[in-house]
Amino acid sequence: MLKFLSKYSDVISSYKISRFEHFGQLLRFRAELILTDDTILYIRETILSISIRKYSYHWQDRQGKLIMRWDNAPDWDVETFPHHLHVGGEMLLNLLLIVLWIRY
C-alpha cells in the first residue's frame, strides 16, 4: 500500500492510515488521503473472504460536499449491484481505478 501511495504522489499529497488489520486473507483498512487539489478521499476496505469484499471510497471537498462515492453497499434497484458510483447526489470498483479517475 505504501508503494502505491508513493507511486501516485502527483495526486496524493498526504495520507493517514487509521486502521490496518491483516489476518491471513482477512483485511480491514481505513485511510484518509489528502489530494493535491485539497480534496479528501476516505477509504474503507474490508475483505472477509476470497468472495466477500466490502468497500467505500468517499471523495469530498474540504467543506464536506460529496464529489463522488464508489461503494458496494446495498442500494435500491441498482443494475450493477453491488458495484456502483455516486456522483453528487446521483448514483451511477478498486483503489487504482479511483486514483486514476481522480488524476484524469
C-alpha atoms as a PDB file:
ATOM      1  CA  MET A   1       0.000   0.000   0.000  1.00  0.00           C
ATOM      2  CA  LEU A   2       2.805   2.421   0.813  1.00  0.00           C
ATOM      3  CA  LYS A   3       4.381   1.793  -2.596  1.00  0.00           C
ATOM      4  CA  PHE A   4       1.019   2.552  -4.199  1.00  0.00           C
ATOM      5  CA  LEU A   5       0.629   5.812  -2.269  1.00  0.00           C
ATOM      6  CA  SER A   6       4.164   6.877  -3.224  1.00  0.00           C
ATOM      7  CA  LYS A   7       3.651   5.984  -6.881  1.00  0.00           C
ATOM      8  CA  TYR A   8       0.681   8.364  -7.130  1.00  0.00           C
ATOM      9  CA  SER A   9       2.211  11.284  -5.226  1.00  0.00           C
ATOM     10  CA  ASP A  10       1.229  13.542  -8.132  1.00  0.00           C
ATOM     11  CA  VAL A  11      -2.374  13.021  -6.933  1.00  0.00           C
ATOM     12  CA  ILE A  12      -1.904  12.219  -3.214  1.00  0.00           C
ATOM     13  CA  SER A  13      -0.239  14.934  -1.134  1.00  0.00           C
ATOM     14  CA  SER A  14      -0.586  13.200   2.252  1.00  0.00           C
ATOM     15  CA  TYR A  15      -2.401  10.339   3.957  1.00  0.00           C
ATOM     16  CA  LYS A  16      -3.368   8.975   7.343  1.00  0.00           C
ATOM     17  CA  ILE A  17      -3.963   5.254   7.848  1.00  0.00           C
ATOM     18  CA  SER A  18      -6.317   4.866  10.798  1.00  0.00           C
ATOM     19  CA  ARG A  19      -6.703   1.074  10.635  1.00  0.00           C
ATOM     20  CA  PHE A  20      -4.749  -1.721   9.060  1.00  0.00           C
ATOM     21  CA  GLU A  21      -5.545  -5.228  10.262  1.00  0.00           C
ATOM     22  CA  HIS A  22      -4.444  -8.227   8.239  1.00  0.00           C
ATOM     23  CA  PHE A  23      -5.033 -11.805   9.373  1.00  0.00           C
ATOM     24  CA  GLY A  24      -4.433 -14.401   6.642  1.00  0.00           C
ATOM     25  CA  GLN A  25      -6.920 -13.486   3.910  1.00  0.00           C
ATOM     26  CA  LEU A  26      -8.895 -11.123   6.162  1.00  0.00           C
ATOM     27  CA  LEU A  27      -8.244  -7.395   5.881  1.00  0.00           C
ATOM     28  CA  ARG A  28      -9.611  -4.206   7.436  1.00  0.00           C
ATOM     29  CA  PHE A  29      -8.232  -0.962   6.094  1.00  0.00           C
ATOM     30  CA  ARG A  30      -9.263   2.651   6.771  1.00  0.00           C
ATOM     31  CA  ALA A  31      -7.439   5.690   5.441  1.00  0.00           C
ATOM     32  CA  GLU A  32      -7.842   9.373   4.662  1.00  0.00           C
ATOM     33  CA  LEU A  33      -5.990  10.736   1.640  1.00  0.00           C
ATOM     34  CA  ILE A  34      -5.478  14.480   1.153  1.00  0.00           C
ATOM     35  CA  LEU A  35      -5.235  15.030  -2.574  1.00  0.00           C
ATOM     36  CA  THR A  36      -3.168  17.655  -4.356  1.00  0.00           C
ATOM     37  CA  ASP A  37      -6.298  19.669  -5.209  1.00  0.00           C
ATOM     38  CA  ASP A  38      -7.035  19.859  -1.428  1.00  0.00           C
ATOM     39  CA  THR A  39      -9.948  17.411  -1.601  1.00  0.00           C
ATOM     40  CA  ILE A  40     -10.203  14.325   0.626  1.00  0.00           C
ATOM     41  CA  LEU A  41     -10.647  10.656  -0.241  1.00  0.00           C
ATOM     42  CA  TYR A  42     -11.879   8.445   2.612  1.00  0.00           C
ATOM     43  CA  ILE A  43     -11.174   4.734   2.105  1.00  0.00           C
ATOM     44  CA  ARG A  44     -12.874   1.798   3.832  1.00  0.00           C
ATOM     45  CA  GLU A  45     -11.932  -1.722   2.710  1.00  0.00           C
ATOM     46  CA  THR A  46     -12.943  -4.949   4.414  1.00  0.00           C
ATOM     47  CA  ILE A  47     -12.133  -8.355   2.975  1.00  0.00           C
ATOM     48  CA  LEU A  48     -13.889 -11.143   4.845  1.00  0.00           C
ATOM     49  CA  SER A  49     -13.028 -13.978   2.455  1.00  0.00           C
ATOM     50  CA  ILE A  50     -11.958 -14.533  -1.137  1.00  0.00           C
ATOM     51  CA  SER A  51     -15.529 -13.876  -2.282  1.00  0.00           C
ATOM     52  CA  ILE A  52     -16.706 -11.273   0.277  1.00  0.00           C
ATOM     53  CA  ARG A  53     -15.385  -7.725  -0.045  1.00  0.00           C
ATOM     54  CA  LYS A  54     -16.942  -4.529   1.296  1.00  0.00           C
ATOM     55  CA  TYR A  55     -15.649  -1.145   0.234  1.00  0.00           C
ATOM     56  CA  SER A  56     -16.395   2.544   0.138  1.00  0.00           C
ATOM     57  CA  TYR A  57     -14.290   5.288  -1.408  1.00  0.00           C
ATOM     58  CA  HIS A  58     -15.807   8.649  -0.467  1.00  0.00           C
ATOM     59  CA  TRP A  59     -14.339  11.716  -2.215  1.00  0.00           C
ATOM     60  CA  GLN A  60     -15.348  15.145  -0.929  1.00  0.00           C
ATOM     61  CA  ASP A  61     -14.225  18.744  -0.899  1.00  0.00           C
ATOM     62  CA  ARG A  62     -12.923  20.497   2.241  1.00  0.00           C
ATOM     63  CA  GLN A  63     -16.426  21.728   3.071  1.00  0.00           C
ATOM     64  CA  GLY A  64     -17.706  18.141   3.198  1.00  0.00           C
ATOM     65  CA  LYS A  65     -19.598  18.252  -0.106  1.00  0.00           C
ATOM     66  CA  LEU A  66     -19.664  14.894  -1.877  1.00  0.00           C
ATOM     67  CA  ILE A  67     -17.832  14.802  -5.207  1.00  0.00           C
ATOM     68  CA  MET A  68     -18.132  11.027  -5.778  1.00  0.00           C
ATOM     69  CA  ARG A  69     -18.507   7.852  -3.796  1.00  0.00           C
ATOM     70  CA  TRP A  70     -17.753   4.343  -5.013  1.00  0.00           C
ATOM     71  CA  ASP A  71     -19.174   1.539  -2.875  1.00  0.00           C
ATOM     72  CA  ASN A  72     -20.821  -1.856  -2.897  1.00  0.00           C
ATOM     73  CA  ALA A  73     -23.311  -1.265  -0.086  1.00  0.00           C
ATOM     74  CA  PRO A  74     -26.876  -2.286  -0.978  1.00  0.00           C
ATOM     75  CA  ASP A  75     -28.892   0.423  -2.760  1.00  0.00           C
ATOM     76  CA  TRP A  76     -32.360   0.187  -4.256  1.00  0.00           C
ATOM     77  CA  ASP A  77     -32.631  -1.177  -7.813  1.00  0.00           C
ATOM     78  CA  VAL A  78     -29.014  -0.883  -8.925  1.00  0.00           C
ATOM     79  CA  GLU A  79     -28.381  -2.808 -12.148  1.00  0.00           C
ATOM     80  CA  THR A  80     -24.635  -3.022 -11.423  1.00  0.00           C
ATOM     81  CA  PHE A  81     -25.139  -4.232  -7.824  1.00  0.00           C
ATOM     82  CA  PRO A  82     -23.093  -4.479  -5.803  1.00  0.00           C
ATOM     83  CA  HIS A  83     -20.649  -2.109  -7.524  1.00  0.00           C
ATOM     84  CA  HIS A  84     -21.789   1.432  -8.186  1.00  0.00           C
ATOM     85  CA  LEU A  85     -20.767   5.072  -8.136  1.00  0.00           C
ATOM     86  CA  HIS A  86     -22.396   8.115  -6.541  1.00  0.00           C
ATOM     87  CA  VAL A  87     -21.727  11.492  -8.182  1.00  0.00           C
ATOM     88  CA  GLY A  88     -23.028  14.417  -6.158  1.00  0.00           C
ATOM     89  CA  GLY A  89     -26.493  13.215  -5.171  1.00  0.00           C
ATOM     90  CA  GLU A  90     -26.730  10.731  -8.043  1.00  0.00           C
ATOM     91  CA  MET A  91     -25.778   7.073  -8.144  1.00  0.00           C
ATOM     92  CA  LEU A  92     -24.110   5.833 -11.257  1.00  0.00           C
ATOM     93  CA  LEU A  93     -14.741  -0.837  -8.364  1.00  0.00           C
ATOM     94  CA  ASN A  94     -10.608  -0.813  -6.669  1.00  0.00           C
ATOM     95  CA  LEU A  95      -8.368   1.911  -5.433  1.00  0.00           C
ATOM     96  CA  LEU A  96      -6.229   2.076  -8.588  1.00  0.00           C
ATOM     97  CA  LEU A  97      -9.251   2.864 -10.779  1.00  0.00           C
ATOM     98  CA  ILE A  98     -10.391   5.557  -8.370  1.00  0.00           C
ATOM     99  CA  VAL A  99      -6.983   7.275  -8.187  1.00  0.00           C
ATOM    100  CA  LEU A 100      -6.706   7.148 -11.975  1.00  0.00           C
ATOM    101  CA  TRP A 101     -10.250   8.620 -12.249  1.00  0.00           C
ATOM    102  CA  ILE A 102      -9.242  11.480  -9.925  1.00  0.00           C
ATOM    103  CA  ARG A 103      -5.938  12.013 -11.749  1.00  0.00           C
ATOM    104  CA  TYR A 104      -7.597  12.452 -15.144  1.00  0.00           C
END
